[in-house]
Protein backbone atom coordinates (compact mmCIF):
# COMPACT_ATOMS: atom_id res chain seq x y z
CA MET A 1 -25.80 -25.40 -9.31
CA THR A 2 -22.02 -25.04 -9.51
CA ALA A 3 -19.73 -24.22 -6.66
CA ASN A 4 -16.77 -21.95 -6.93
CA PRO A 5 -13.72 -24.22 -6.55
CA THR A 6 -11.38 -21.45 -5.43
CA PRO A 7 -12.58 -19.28 -2.57
CA ASN A 8 -12.14 -15.49 -2.56
CA ILE A 9 -11.79 -15.25 -6.34
CA ASN A 10 -14.42 -13.47 -8.36
CA PRO A 11 -15.88 -15.92 -10.91
CA ASN A 12 -16.62 -13.06 -13.31
CA PRO A 13 -13.27 -11.70 -14.60
CA ASN A 14 -14.95 -8.77 -16.37
CA SER A 15 -16.30 -7.20 -13.22
CA THR A 16 -14.02 -4.76 -11.44
CA PRO A 17 -14.31 -3.63 -7.85
CA ASP A 18 -15.69 -0.16 -7.29
CA VAL A 19 -12.84 2.34 -7.10
CA SER A 20 -13.48 5.86 -5.88
CA TRP A 21 -12.99 8.66 -8.37
CA ARG A 22 -10.30 10.12 -6.10
CA LYS A 23 -8.15 7.02 -6.48
CA LYS A 24 -9.02 6.55 -10.14
CA TYR A 25 -8.07 10.08 -11.24
CA ARG A 26 -5.40 10.86 -8.63
CA ALA A 27 -2.38 10.72 -10.95
CA PRO A 28 -3.83 12.91 -13.73
CA LEU A 29 -5.18 15.44 -11.22
CA MET A 30 -1.87 15.66 -9.39
CA ASN A 31 -0.12 16.09 -12.73
CA ALA A 32 -2.54 18.91 -13.58
CA ALA A 33 -1.86 20.53 -10.20
CA PHE A 34 1.89 20.35 -10.85
CA TRP A 35 1.52 22.08 -14.19
CA GLY A 36 -0.93 24.54 -12.65
CA PHE A 37 1.76 25.65 -10.21
CA TRP A 38 4.25 26.18 -13.01
CA ILE A 39 1.77 28.12 -15.13
CA GLY A 40 0.73 30.14 -12.08
CA PHE A 41 4.34 31.01 -11.26
CA PHE A 42 4.99 32.05 -14.84
CA LEU A 43 1.88 34.24 -14.97
CA ALA A 44 2.69 35.77 -11.60
CA HIS A 45 6.21 36.59 -12.76
CA GLN A 46 5.09 38.02 -16.08
CA GLY A 47 2.24 39.96 -14.47
CA GLY A 48 4.59 41.39 -11.87
CA THR A 49 7.35 42.42 -14.26
CA THR A 50 4.97 44.02 -16.77
CA ASN A 51 2.67 45.45 -14.08
CA ASN A 52 -0.29 43.55 -15.58
CA ALA A 53 -3.00 43.05 -12.97
CA VAL A 54 -4.97 40.59 -15.13
CA MET A 55 -2.09 38.13 -15.35
CA THR A 56 -1.51 38.37 -11.62
CA SER A 57 -5.19 37.77 -10.88
CA VAL A 58 -5.29 34.78 -13.22
CA SER A 59 -2.21 33.37 -11.50
CA TYR A 60 -4.01 33.63 -8.14
CA VAL A 61 -6.93 31.64 -9.53
CA ILE A 62 -4.62 28.97 -10.97
CA PHE A 63 -2.68 28.77 -7.69
CA THR A 64 -5.90 28.32 -5.76
CA LEU A 65 -7.09 25.52 -8.04
CA ALA A 66 -3.68 23.85 -7.94
CA CYS A 67 -3.73 23.94 -4.13
CA LEU A 68 -7.25 22.55 -3.88
CA VAL A 69 -6.61 19.55 -6.13
CA PRO A 70 -4.33 17.71 -3.64
CA LEU A 71 -6.73 18.44 -0.81
CA VAL A 72 -9.63 16.91 -2.73
CA THR A 73 -7.72 13.90 -4.03
CA LYS A 74 -5.92 12.99 -0.82
CA LYS A 75 -5.99 9.36 0.24
């Protein structure tokens, strides 16, 4: 039986501690939310200037998703 000579160090370097999916995917999800806001603003502008209700409705959906992402991925 061998003893670990250095305490508090994992003897298996290949094992990683469990990280929650919120922390793991926070940066890509926040990046997606950022781009979602820009796409939503563009669609809202285009839908408003051309009086296109479909574009405006799609922008509402994108805005909603972009607002929910930071709430879900908060620390």
